[in-house]
PDB file of N, CA and C in Angstrom:
ATOM      1  N   UNK A   1       0.591  -1.149   0.074  1.00  0.00           N
ATOM      2  CA  UNK A   1      -0.021  -0.089   0.285  1.00  0.00           C
ATOM      3  C   UNK A   1       0.907   1.210  -0.072  1.00  0.00           C
ATOM      4  N   UNK A   2       1.918   1.220   0.695  1.00  0.00           N
ATOM      5  CA  UNK A   2       3.130   2.286   0.735  1.00  0.00           C
ATOM      6  C   UNK A   2       3.677   2.654  -0.798  1.00  0.00           C
ATOM      7  N   UNK A   3       3.706   1.706  -1.555  1.00  0.00           N
ATOM      8  CA  UNK A   3       4.282   1.631  -2.934  1.00  0.00           C
ATOM      9  C   UNK A   3       3.418   2.337  -3.827  1.00  0.00           C
ATOM     10  N   UNK A   4       2.175   2.546  -3.260  1.00  0.00           N
ATOM     11  CA  UNK A   4       1.257   3.119  -4.513  1.00  0.00           C
ATOM     12  C   UNK A   4       1.442   4.610  -4.336  1.00  0.00           C
ATOM     13  N   UNK A   5       1.790   5.196  -3.408  1.00  0.00           N
ATOM     14  CA  UNK A   5       1.668   6.817  -3.696  1.00  0.00           C
ATOM     15  C   UNK A   5       2.962   7.324  -4.254  1.00  0.00           C
ATOM     16  N   UNK A   6       4.325   6.733  -4.276  1.00  0.00           N
ATOM     17  CA  UNK A   6       5.379   6.982  -4.958  1.00  0.00           C
ATOM     18  C   UNK A   6       4.687   6.669  -6.774  1.00  0.00           C
ATOM     19  N   UNK A   7       4.338   5.989  -6.797  1.00  0.00           N
ATOM     20  CA  UNK A   7       4.048   5.417  -8.442  1.00  0.00           C
ATOM     21  C   UNK A   7       2.942   6.400  -8.958  1.00  0.00           C
ATOM     22  N   UNK A   8       1.814   6.758  -7.898  1.00  0.00           N
ATOM     23  CA  UNK A   8       1.269   8.043  -8.369  1.00  0.00           C
ATOM     24  C   UNK A   8       1.722   9.230  -8.610  1.00  0.00           C
ATOM     25  N   UNK A   9       2.460   9.643  -7.755  1.00  0.00           N
ATOM     26  CA  UNK A   9       3.280  10.720  -7.921  1.00  0.00           C
ATOM     27  C   UNK A   9       4.018  10.874  -9.262  1.00  0.00           C
ATOM     28  N   UNK A  10       4.791   9.717  -9.531  1.00  0.00           N
ATOM     29  CA  UNK A  10       5.415   9.888 -10.855  1.00  0.00           C
ATOM     30  C   UNK A  10       4.669   9.995 -11.719  1.00  0.00           C
ATOM     31  N   UNK A  11       3.577   9.174 -11.948  1.00  0.00           N
ATOM     32  CA  UNK A  11       2.338   9.328 -13.191  1.00  0.00           C
ATOM     33  C   UNK A  11       1.901  10.680 -13.245  1.00  0.00           C
ATOM     34  N   UNK A  12       1.203  11.273 -12.237  1.00  0.00           N
ATOM     35  CA  UNK A  12       0.910  12.313 -12.006  1.00  0.00           C
ATOM     36  C   UNK A  12       1.655  13.427 -12.847  1.00  0.00           C
ATOM     37  N   UNK A  13       2.982  13.713 -12.100  1.00  0.00           N
ATOM     38  CA  UNK A  13       3.907  14.397 -12.474  1.00  0.00           C
ATOM     39  C   UNK A  13       4.053  14.564 -14.193  1.00  0.00           C
ATOM     40  N   UNK A  14       4.259  12.823 -14.700  1.00  0.00           N
ATOM     41  CA  UNK A  14       4.170  12.727 -16.138  1.00  0.00           C
ATOM     42  C   UNK A  14       3.094  13.478 -16.792  1.00  0.00           C
ATOM     43  N   UNK A  15       2.111  12.947 -16.734  1.00  0.00           N
ATOM     44  CA  UNK A  15       0.600  13.437 -16.952  1.00  0.00           C
ATOM     45  C   UNK A  15       0.501  15.050 -17.044  1.00  0.00           C
ATOM     46  N   UNK A  16       1.112  15.732 -15.662  1.00  0.00           N
ATOM     47  CA  UNK A  16       0.853  17.072 -16.036  1.00  0.00           C
ATOM     48  C   UNK A  16       1.868  17.621 -17.014  1.00  0.00           C
ATOM     49  N   UNK A  17       3.049  17.162 -16.873  1.00  0.00           N
ATOM     50  CA  UNK A  17       4.024  17.407 -18.107  1.00  0.00           C
ATOM     51  C   UNK A  17       3.612  17.312 -19.295  1.00  0.00           C
ATOM     52  N   UNK A  18       3.230  16.081 -19.687  1.00  0.00           N
ATOM     53  CA  UNK A  18       2.780  15.890 -21.140  1.00  0.00           C
ATOM     54  C   UNK A  18       1.657  16.390 -21.309  1.00  0.00           C
ATOM     55  N   UNK A  19       0.697  16.473 -20.189  1.00  0.00           N
ATOM     56  CA  UNK A  19      -0.692  17.221 -20.669  1.00  0.00           C
ATOM     57  C   UNK A  19      -0.519  18.806 -20.994  1.00  0.00           C
ATOM     58  N   UNK A  20       0.908  19.714 -20.347  1.00  0.00           N
ATOM     59  CA  UNK A  20       1.113  20.895 -20.481  1.00  0.00           C
ATOM     60  C   UNK A  20       1.515  20.783 -22.192  1.00  0.00           C
ATOM     61  N   UNK A  21       2.269  20.160 -22.813  1.00  0.00           N
ATOM     62  CA  UNK A  21       3.155  19.931 -23.684  1.00  0.00           C
ATOM     63  C   UNK A  21       2.085  19.753 -25.023  1.00  0.00           C
ATOM     64  N   UNK A  22       1.224  19.048 -24.734  1.00  0.00           N
ATOM     65  CA  UNK A  22      -0.155  18.698 -25.491  1.00  0.00           C
ATOM     66  C   UNK A  22      -1.370  19.964 -25.338  1.00  0.00           C
ATOM     67  N   UNK A  23      -1.265  20.718 -24.706  1.00  0.00           N
ATOM     68  CA  UNK A  23      -1.748  21.957 -24.611  1.00  0.00           C
ATOM     69  C   UNK A  23      -1.241  23.026 -25.625  1.00  0.00           C
ATOM     70  N   UNK A  24       0.171  23.165 -24.978  1.00  0.00           N
ATOM     71  CA  UNK A  24       0.928  24.125 -26.125  1.00  0.00           C
ATOM     72  C   UNK A  24       1.170  23.754 -27.629  1.00  0.00           C
ATOM     73  N   UNK A  25       0.840  22.321 -28.000  1.00  0.00           N
ATOM     74  CA  UNK A  25       0.877  22.165 -29.223  1.00  0.00           C
ATOM     75  C   UNK A  25      -0.504  22.369 -29.766  1.00  0.00           C
ATOM     76  N   UNK A  26      -1.686  21.986 -29.149  1.00  0.00           N
ATOM     77  CA  UNK A  26      -3.288  22.523 -29.362  1.00  0.00           C
ATOM     78  C   UNK A  26      -3.086  23.978 -29.593  1.00  0.00           C
ATOM     79  N   UNK A  27      -2.489  24.880 -28.892  1.00  0.00           N
ATOM     80  CA  UNK A  27      -2.724  26.120 -29.075  1.00  0.00           C
ATOM     81  C   UNK A  27      -2.103  26.427 -30.255  1.00  0.00           C
ATOM     82  N   UNK A  28      -0.778  26.080 -30.598  1.00  0.00           N
ATOM     83  CA  UNK A  28       0.065  26.576 -32.018  1.00  0.00           C
ATOM     84  C   UNK A  28      -0.994  26.028 -32.915  1.00  0.00           C
ATOM     85  N   UNK A  29      -1.696  24.693 -33.041  1.00  0.00           N
ATOM     86  CA  UNK A  29      -2.325  24.489 -34.244  1.00  0.00           C
ATOM     87  C   UNK A  29      -3.579  25.508 -34.118  1.00  0.00           C
ATOM     88  N   UNK A  30      -4.308  25.786 -33.351  1.00  0.00           N
ATOM     89  CA  UNK A  30      -5.672  26.590 -33.331  1.00  0.00           C
ATOM     90  C   UNK A  30      -4.957  28.218 -33.619  1.00  0.00           C
ATOM     91  N   UNK A  31      -3.641  28.646 -33.506  1.00  0.00           N
ATOM     92  CA  UNK A  31      -3.294  29.703 -34.063  1.00  0.00           C
ATOM     93  C   UNK A  31      -2.845  29.819 -35.479  1.00  0.00           C
ATOM     94  N   UNK A  32      -2.548  28.098 -36.138  1.00  0.00           N
ATOM     95  CA  UNK A  32      -2.247  28.437 -37.417  1.00  0.00           C
ATOM     96  C   UNK A  32      -3.622  28.511 -38.064  1.00  0.00           C
ATOM     97  N   UNK A  33      -4.469  27.481 -37.751  1.00  0.00           N
ATOM     98  CA  UNK A  33      -6.022  27.695 -38.225  1.00  0.00           C
ATOM     99  C   UNK A  33      -6.374  28.897 -38.241  1.00  0.00           C
ATOM    100  N   UNK A  34      -6.258  29.877 -37.154  1.00  0.00           N
ATOM    101  CA  UNK A  34      -7.106  30.899 -37.218  1.00  0.00           C
ATOM    102  C   UNK A  34      -6.052  31.987 -38.217  1.00  0.00           C
ATOM    103  N   UNK A  35      -4.790  31.848 -38.323  1.00  0.00           N
ATOM    104  CA  UNK A  35      -4.153  32.585 -39.728  1.00  0.00           C
ATOM    105  C   UNK A  35      -4.519  32.095 -40.781  1.00  0.00           C
ATOM    106  N   UNK A  36      -4.971  30.879 -41.237  1.00  0.00           N
ATOM    107  CA  UNK A  36      -5.117  30.424 -42.716  1.00  0.00           C
ATOM    108  C   UNK A  36      -6.448  31.095 -42.867  1.00  0.00           C
ATOM    109  N   UNK A  37      -7.174  30.595 -41.898  1.00  0.00           N
ATOM    110  CA  UNK A  37      -8.911  31.480 -41.964  1.00  0.00           C
ATOM    111  C   UNK A  37      -8.823  32.656 -42.667  1.00  0.00           C
ATOM    112  N   UNK A  38      -7.981  33.709 -42.155  1.00  0.00           N
ATOM    113  CA  UNK A  38      -7.488  34.928 -42.529  1.00  0.00           C
ATOM    114  C   UNK A  38      -6.778  35.167 -43.835  1.00  0.00           C
ATOM    115  N   UNK A  39      -5.790  34.180 -44.192  1.00  0.00           N
ATOM    116  CA  UNK A  39      -5.676  33.942 -45.829  1.00  0.00           C
ATOM    117  C   UNK A  39      -4.081  34.592 -45.385  1.00  0.00           C
ATOM    118  N   UNK A  40      -3.641  34.532 -44.071  1.00  0.00           N
ATOM    119  CA  UNK A  40      -2.401  34.570 -43.532  1.00  0.00           C
ATOM    120  C   UNK A  40      -1.579  33.408 -43.574  1.00  0.00           C
ATOM    121  N   UNK A  41      -0.078  33.361 -43.560  1.00  0.00           N
ATOM    122  CA  UNK A  41       0.693  32.246 -43.245  1.00  0.00           C
ATOM    123  C   UNK A  41       1.608  32.561 -42.128  1.00  0.00           C
ATOM    124  N   UNK A  42       2.102  31.349 -41.305  1.00  0.00           N
ATOM    125  CA  UNK A  42       2.857  31.806 -40.244  1.00  0.00           C
ATOM    126  C   UNK A  42       4.226  32.010 -40.904  1.00  0.00           C
ATOM    127  N   UNK A  43       4.524  32.861 -40.178  1.00  0.00           N
ATOM    128  CA  UNK A  43       6.246  33.507 -40.571  1.00  0.00           C
ATOM    129  C   UNK A  43       7.248  32.270 -40.092  1.00  0.00           C
ATOM    130  N   UNK A  44       7.908  32.108 -41.346  1.00  0.00           N
ATOM    131  CA  UNK A  44       9.341  31.018 -41.220  1.00  0.00           C
ATOM    132  C   UNK A  44      10.357  31.503 -40.263  1.00  0.00           C
ATOM    133  N   UNK A  45      10.451  31.113 -39.044  1.00  0.00           N
ATOM    134  CA  UNK A  45      11.828  31.819 -38.510  1.00  0.00           C
ATOM    135  C   UNK A  45      12.993  30.658 -38.225  1.00  0.00           C
ATOM    136  N   UNK A  46      12.819  29.566 -39.098  1.00  0.00           N
ATOM    137  CA  UNK A  46      13.974  28.811 -38.766  1.00  0.00           C
ATOM    138  C   UNK A  46      15.270  29.187 -39.004  1.00  0.00           C
ATOM    139  N   UNK A  47      15.998  28.795 -37.662  1.00  0.00           N
ATOM    140  CA  UNK A  47      17.455  29.195 -37.847  1.00  0.00           C
ATOM    141  C   UNK A  47      18.485  28.489 -37.997  1.00  0.00           C
ATOM    142  N   UNK A  48      18.100  27.244 -38.232  1.00  0.00           N
ATOM    143  CA  UNK A  48      19.128  26.099 -38.333  1.00  0.00           C
ATOM    144  C   UNK A  48      19.815  25.637 -37.128  1.00  0.00           C
ATOM    145  N   UNK A  49      19.395  26.083 -36.269  1.00  0.00           N
ATOM    146  CA  UNK A  49      20.376  25.987 -34.963  1.00  0.00           C
ATOM    147  C   UNK A  49      19.733  24.690 -33.656  1.00  0.00           C
ATOM    148  N   UNK A  50      18.539  24.231 -34.349  1.00  0.00           N
ATOM    149  CA  UNK A  50      17.849  23.470 -33.281  1.00  0.00           C
ATOM    150  C   UNK A  50      18.381  22.292 -33.032  1.00  0.00           C
ATOM    151  N   UNK A  51      19.035  21.775 -33.809  1.00  0.00           N
ATOM    152  CA  UNK A  51      20.387  20.722 -33.838  1.00  0.00           C
ATOM    153  C   UNK A  51      21.013  20.581 -32.495  1.00  0.00           C
ATOM    154  N   UNK A  52      21.506  21.829 -32.789  1.00  0.00           N
ATOM    155  CA  UNK A  52      22.801  22.227 -31.833  1.00  0.00           C
ATOM    156  C   UNK A  52      22.055  22.569 -30.505  1.00  0.00           C
ATOM    157  N   UNK A  53      20.918  23.278 -30.315  1.00  0.00           N
ATOM    158  CA  UNK A  53      20.709  23.666 -28.991  1.00  0.00           C
ATOM    159  C   UNK A  53      20.015  22.568 -28.090  1.00  0.00           C
ATOM    160  N   UNK A  54      19.368  21.634 -28.765  1.00  0.00           N
ATOM    161  CA  UNK A  54      18.838  20.387 -28.021  1.00  0.00           C
ATOM    162  C   UNK A  54      20.205  19.486 -27.877  1.00  0.00           C
ATOM    163  N   UNK A  55      20.950  19.539 -28.884  1.00  0.00           N
ATOM    164  CA  UNK A  55      22.048  18.988 -28.364  1.00  0.00           C
ATOM    165  C   UNK A  55      22.994  18.998 -27.236  1.00  0.00           C
ATOM    166  N   UNK A  56      23.292  20.557 -27.205  1.00  0.00           N
ATOM    167  CA  UNK A  56      23.630  21.196 -25.906  1.00  0.00           C
ATOM    168  C   UNK A  56      22.712  20.756 -24.566  1.00  0.00           C
ATOM    169  N   UNK A  57      21.460  21.035 -24.661  1.00  0.00           N
ATOM    170  CA  UNK A  57      20.735  20.969 -23.654  1.00  0.00           C
ATOM    171  C   UNK A  57      20.503  19.359 -22.926  1.00  0.00           C
ATOM    172  N   UNK A  58      20.411  18.137 -24.058  1.00  0.00           N
ATOM    173  CA  UNK A  58      20.409  17.150 -23.882  1.00  0.00           C
ATOM    174  C   UNK A  58      22.097  16.249 -23.036  1.00  0.00           C
ATOM    175  N   UNK A  59      22.818  17.003 -23.779  1.00  0.00           N
ATOM    176  CA  UNK A  59      24.253  16.642 -23.238  1.00  0.00           C
ATOM    177  C   UNK A  59      24.490  17.171 -21.975  1.00  0.00           C
ATOM    178  N   UNK A  60      23.957  18.249 -21.711  1.00  0.00           N
ATOM    179  CA  UNK A  60      24.222  18.802 -20.418  1.00  0.00           C
ATOM    180  C   UNK A  60      23.320  18.087 -19.268  1.00  0.00           C
ATOM    181  N   UNK A  61      22.140  17.689 -19.899  1.00  0.00           N
ATOM    182  CA  UNK A  61      21.380  16.821 -18.826  1.00  0.00           C
ATOM    183  C   UNK A  61      22.024  15.458 -18.826  1.00  0.00           C
ATOM    184  N   UNK A  62      22.730  14.720 -19.568  1.00  0.00           N
ATOM    185  CA  UNK A  62      23.536  13.715 -19.548  1.00  0.00           C
ATOM    186  C   UNK A  62      24.735  13.669 -18.515  1.00  0.00           C
ATOM    187  N   UNK A  63      25.374  14.926 -19.009  1.00  0.00           N
ATOM    188  CA  UNK A  63      26.778  14.853 -18.150  1.00  0.00           C
ATOM    189  C   UNK A  63      26.234  14.895 -16.501  1.00  0.00           C
ATOM    190  N   UNK A  64      25.289  16.034 -16.313  1.00  0.00           N
ATOM    191  CA  UNK A  64      24.684  16.111 -14.840  1.00  0.00           C
ATOM    192  C   UNK A  64      24.007  14.705 -14.143  1.00  0.00           C
ATOM    193  N   UNK A  65      23.319  13.849 -15.119  1.00  0.00           N
ATOM    194  CA  UNK A  65      23.085  12.896 -14.591  1.00  0.00           C
ATOM    195  C   UNK A  65      24.141  11.871 -14.444  1.00  0.00           C
ATOM    196  N   UNK A  66      25.311  11.848 -15.056  1.00  0.00           N
ATOM    197  CA  UNK A  66      26.379  11.030 -15.028  1.00  0.00           C
ATOM    198  C   UNK A  66      27.328  11.485 -13.918  1.00  0.00           C
ATOM    199  N   UNK A  67      27.319  12.647 -13.228  1.00  0.00           N
ATOM    200  CA  UNK A  67      28.259  13.026 -12.342  1.00  0.00           C
ATOM    201  C   UNK A  67      27.146  12.688 -11.058  1.00  0.00           C
ATOM    202  N   UNK A  68      25.822  13.002 -11.182  1.00  0.00           N
ATOM    203  CA  UNK A  68      25.133  12.602 -10.380  1.00  0.00           C
ATOM    204  C   UNK A  68      25.271  10.616  -9.632  1.00  0.00           C
ATOM    205  N   UNK A  69      25.238  10.030 -10.774  1.00  0.00           N
ATOM    206  CA  UNK A  69      24.949   8.584 -10.260  1.00  0.00           C
ATOM    207  C   UNK A  69      26.392   7.883 -10.296  1.00  0.00           C
ATOM    208  N   UNK A  70      27.561   8.736 -10.441  1.00  0.00           N
ATOM    209  CA  UNK A  70      28.797   8.207 -10.443  1.00  0.00           C
ATOM    210  C   UNK A  70      29.200   7.622  -8.810  1.00  0.00           C
ATOM    211  N   UNK A  71      29.089   8.100  -7.995  1.00  0.00           N
ATOM    212  CA  UNK A  71      29.350   7.931  -6.618  1.00  0.00           C
ATOM    213  C   UNK A  71      28.181   6.518  -6.270  1.00  0.00           C
ATOM    214  N   UNK A  72      27.289   5.918  -6.868  1.00  0.00           N
ATOM    215  CA  UNK A  72      26.647   4.783  -6.276  1.00  0.00           C
ATOM    216  C   UNK A  72      27.628   3.718  -6.772  1.00  0.00           C
ATOM    217  N   UNK A  73      28.605   3.900  -7.479  1.00  0.00           N
ATOM    218  CA  UNK A  73      29.430   2.794  -7.865  1.00  0.00           C
ATOM    219  C   UNK A  73      30.626   2.694  -6.880  1.00  0.00           C
ATOM    220  N   UNK A  74      30.572   3.708  -5.829  1.00  0.00           N
ATOM    221  CA  UNK A  74      31.525   3.488  -4.834  1.00  0.00           C
ATOM    222  C   UNK A  74      30.914   2.757  -3.359  1.00  0.00           C
ATOM    223  N   UNK A  75      29.535   3.128  -3.391  1.00  0.00           N
ATOM    224  CA  UNK A  75      28.683   2.298  -2.334  1.00  0.00           C
ATOM    225  C   UNK A  75      28.261   0.962  -2.618  1.00  0.00           C
ATOM    226  N   UNK A  76      28.348   0.392  -4.032  1.00  0.00           N
ATOM    227  CA  UNK A  76      27.709  -0.840  -4.377  1.00  0.00           C
ATOM    228  C   UNK A  76      28.808  -1.704  -3.675  1.00  0.00           C
ATOM    229  N   UNK A  77      28.433  -2.963  -3.570  1.00  0.00           N
ATOM    230  CA  UNK A  77      29.066  -4.021  -3.162  1.00  0.00           C
ATOM    231  C   UNK A  77      29.885  -4.807  -3.992  1.00  0.00           C
ATOM    232  N   UNK A  78      29.727  -4.635  -5.409  1.00  0.00           N
ATOM    233  CA  UNK A  78      30.226  -5.527  -6.403  1.00  0.00           C
ATOM    234  C   UNK A  78      31.592  -4.578  -6.610  1.00  0.00           C
ATOM    235  N   UNK A  79      32.325  -5.315  -7.348  1.00  0.00           N
ATOM    236  CA  UNK A  79      33.702  -4.613  -8.036  1.00  0.00           C
ATOM    237  C   UNK A  79      33.527  -4.123  -9.546  1.00  0.00           C
ATOM    238  N   UNK A  80      32.976  -3.058  -9.812  1.00  0.00           N
ATOM    239  CA  UNK A  80      32.675  -2.832 -11.261  1.00  0.00           C
ATOM    240  C   UNK A  80      34.142  -1.899 -11.764  1.00  0.00           C
ATOM    241  N   UNK A  81      34.913  -2.151 -12.928  1.00  0.00           N
ATOM    242  CA  UNK A  81      35.831  -1.251 -13.673  1.00  0.00           C
ATOM    243  C   UNK A  81      35.653   0.145 -13.728  1.00  0.00           C
ATOM    244  N   UNK A  82      36.312   0.896 -12.914  1.00  0.00           N
ATOM    245  CA  UNK A  82      36.436   2.466 -12.426  1.00  0.00           C
ATOM    246  C   UNK A  82      34.690   2.833 -12.091  1.00  0.00           C
ATOM    247  N   UNK A  83      34.599   1.993 -11.080  1.00  0.00           N
ATOM    248  CA  UNK A  83      33.461   2.418 -10.776  1.00  0.00           C
ATOM    249  C   UNK A  83      31.911   2.660 -11.389  1.00  0.00           C
ATOM    250  N   UNK A  84      31.975   1.692 -12.633  1.00  0.00           N
ATOM    251  CA  UNK A  84      30.929   2.468 -13.716  1.00  0.00           C
ATOM    252  C   UNK A  84      30.271   1.152 -13.579  1.00  0.00           C
ATOM    253  N   UNK A  85      28.821   1.248 -13.245  1.00  0.00           N
ATOM    254  CA  UNK A  85      27.867  -0.045 -13.140  1.00  0.00           C
ATOM    255  C   UNK A  85      26.928   0.409 -14.485  1.00  0.00           C
ATOM    256  N   UNK A  86      25.856  -0.348 -14.247  1.00  0.00           N
ATOM    257  CA  UNK A  86      24.738  -0.398 -15.056  1.00  0.00           C
ATOM    258  C   UNK A  86      23.978   0.917 -14.878  1.00  0.00           C
ATOM    259  N   UNK A  87      24.092   1.251 -13.868  1.00  0.00           N
ATOM    260  CA  UNK A  87      23.270   2.971 -13.443  1.00  0.00           C
ATOM    261  C   UNK A  87      23.654   3.943 -14.261  1.00  0.00           C
ATOM    262  N   UNK A  88      24.843   3.777 -14.686  1.00  0.00           N
ATOM    263  CA  UNK A  88      25.359   4.624 -15.238  1.00  0.00           C
ATOM    264  C   UNK A  88      24.982   4.876 -16.840  1.00  0.00           C
ATOM    265  N   UNK A  89      24.148   4.225 -17.045  1.00  0.00           N
ATOM    266  CA  UNK A  89      23.352   4.258 -18.385  1.00  0.00           C
ATOM    267  C   UNK A  89      22.288   5.182 -18.759  1.00  0.00           C
ATOM    268  N   UNK A  90      21.897   5.672 -17.460  1.00  0.00           N
ATOM    269  CA  UNK A  90      20.940   6.465 -17.106  1.00  0.00           C
ATOM    270  C   UNK A  90      21.692   8.046 -17.223  1.00  0.00           C
ATOM    271  N   UNK A  91      22.621   8.095 -17.315  1.00  0.00           N
ATOM    272  CA  UNK A  91      23.487   9.487 -17.602  1.00  0.00           C
ATOM    273  C   UNK A  91      24.346   9.383 -19.175  1.00  0.00           C
ATOM    274  N   UNK A  92      24.663   7.937 -19.411  1.00  0.00           N
ATOM    275  CA  UNK A  92      25.427   7.823 -20.526  1.00  0.00           C
ATOM    276  C   UNK A  92      24.774   8.043 -21.968  1.00  0.00           C
ATOM    277  N   UNK A  93      23.383   7.568 -21.673  1.00  0.00           N
ATOM    278  CA  UNK A  93      22.789   7.406 -22.996  1.00  0.00           C
ATOM    279  C   UNK A  93      22.355   9.169 -23.524  1.00  0.00           C
ATOM    280  N   UNK A  94      21.835   9.696 -22.521  1.00  0.00           N
ATOM    281  CA  UNK A  94      21.573  11.184 -23.028  1.00  0.00           C
ATOM    282  C   UNK A  94      22.539  12.111 -23.075  1.00  0.00           C
ATOM    283  N   UNK A  95      23.569  11.654 -22.473  1.00  0.00           N
ATOM    284  CA  UNK A  95      25.068  12.365 -22.982  1.00  0.00           C
ATOM    285  C   UNK A  95      25.418  12.081 -24.288  1.00  0.00           C
ATOM    286  N   UNK A  96      25.675  10.794 -24.786  1.00  0.00           N
ATOM    287  CA  UNK A  96      25.890  10.597 -26.130  1.00  0.00           C
ATOM    288  C   UNK A  96      24.911  10.661 -26.930  1.00  0.00           C
ATOM    289  N   UNK A  97      23.802  11.184 -26.537  1.00  0.00           N
ATOM    290  CA  UNK A  97      22.832  11.309 -27.905  1.00  0.00           C
ATOM    291  C   UNK A  97      22.954  12.884 -28.055  1.00  0.00           C
ATOM    292  N   UNK A  98      23.226  13.620 -26.886  1.00  0.00           N
ATOM    293  CA  UNK A  98      23.291  15.113 -27.160  1.00  0.00           C
ATOM    294  C   UNK A  98      24.697  15.151 -27.903  1.00  0.00           C
ATOM    295  N   UNK A  99      25.955  14.557 -27.857  1.00  0.00           N
ATOM    296  CA  UNK A  99      27.140  14.750 -28.226  1.00  0.00           C
ATOM    297  C   UNK A  99      26.567  14.680 -29.792  1.00  0.00           C
ATOM    298  N   UNK A 100      25.912  13.485 -29.973  1.00  0.00           N
ATOM    299  CA  UNK A 100      25.665  12.801 -31.300  1.00  0.00           C
ATOM    300  C   UNK A 100      24.448  13.955 -32.142  1.00  0.00           C
ATOM    301  N   UNK A 101      24.067  14.885 -31.447  1.00  0.00           N
ATOM    302  CA  UNK A 101      23.208  15.896 -32.055  1.00  0.00           C
ATOM    303  C   UNK A 101      24.193  16.895 -32.398  1.00  0.00           C
ATOM    304  N   UNK A 102      25.225  17.370 -31.585  1.00  0.00           N
ATOM    305  CA  UNK A 102      25.886  18.136 -31.537  1.00  0.00           C
ATOM    306  C   UNK A 102      26.953  18.044 -32.885  1.00  0.00           C
ATOM    307  N   UNK A 103      27.150  16.982 -33.084  1.00  0.00           N
ATOM    308  CA  UNK A 103      27.810  16.343 -33.939  1.00  0.00           C
ATOM    309  C   UNK A 103      27.313  16.791 -35.476  1.00  0.00           C
ATOM    310  N   UNK A 104      26.023  16.230 -35.503  1.00  0.00           N
ATOM    311  CA  UNK A 104      25.187  15.937 -36.547  1.00  0.00           C
ATOM    312  C   UNK A 104      24.967  17.672 -37.127  1.00  0.00           C
ATOM    313  N   UNK A 105      24.881  18.513 -36.180  1.00  0.00           N
ATOM    314  CA  UNK A 105      24.713  19.946 -36.371  1.00  0.00           C
ATOM    315  C   UNK A 105      25.825  20.363 -37.385  1.00  0.00           C
ATOM    316  N   UNK A 106      27.060  20.127 -36.865  1.00  0.00           N
ATOM    317  CA  UNK A 106      28.443  20.517 -37.404  1.00  0.00           C
ATOM    318  C   UNK A 106      28.562  19.439 -38.843  1.00  0.00           C
ATOM    319  N   UNK A 107      28.108  18.518 -38.803  1.00  0.00           N
ATOM    320  CA  UNK A 107      28.750  17.658 -40.375  1.00  0.00           C
ATOM    321  C   UNK A 107      27.766  18.172 -41.293  1.00  0.00           C
ATOM    322  N   UNK A 108      26.240  18.562 -40.977  1.00  0.00           N
ATOM    323  CA  UNK A 108      25.180  18.855 -42.026  1.00  0.00           C
ATOM    324  C   UNK A 108      25.328  20.287 -42.191  1.00  0.00           C
ATOM    325  N   UNK A 109      26.163  21.128 -41.535  1.00  0.00           N
ATOM    326  CA  UNK A 109      26.086  22.819 -41.522  1.00  0.00           C
ATOM    327  C   UNK A 109      26.241  23.380 -43.047  1.00  0.00           C
ATOM    328  N   UNK A 110      25.515  24.138 -43.654  1.00  0.00           N
ATOM    329  CA  UNK A 110      25.592  24.495 -44.737  1.00  0.00           C
ATOM    330  C   UNK A 110      26.027  25.878 -45.144  1.00  0.00           C
ATOM    331  N   UNK A 111      26.425  26.510 -43.999  1.00  0.00           N
ATOM    332  CA  UNK A 111      27.132  27.683 -44.345  1.00  0.00           C
ATOM    333  C   UNK A 111      28.558  27.735 -44.569  1.00  0.00           C
TER     334      UNK A 111
END
């Protein structure tokens, strides 16, 4: 019975976050429809820096998670090389995903 409250808290938090993102997407859709009804088009302001921005954000998040999860290796009872165990995947996956996005930005740069 005590385990259900943390589970419900996590589910409620995720529902609030994704609900807010869905609401923002819906409002953008309604704005586009209102502009189309008036015969206007949404101005295109694409700068081409989306991969770089998201890459930096995701890589920073992965680095922070990696640094936060690293001390678990010292408290675990098993010997892992360099104290890097399977819990480090929670930080390494976003870190290398972000680094991949940054690399993709520079490899596909057209300027």
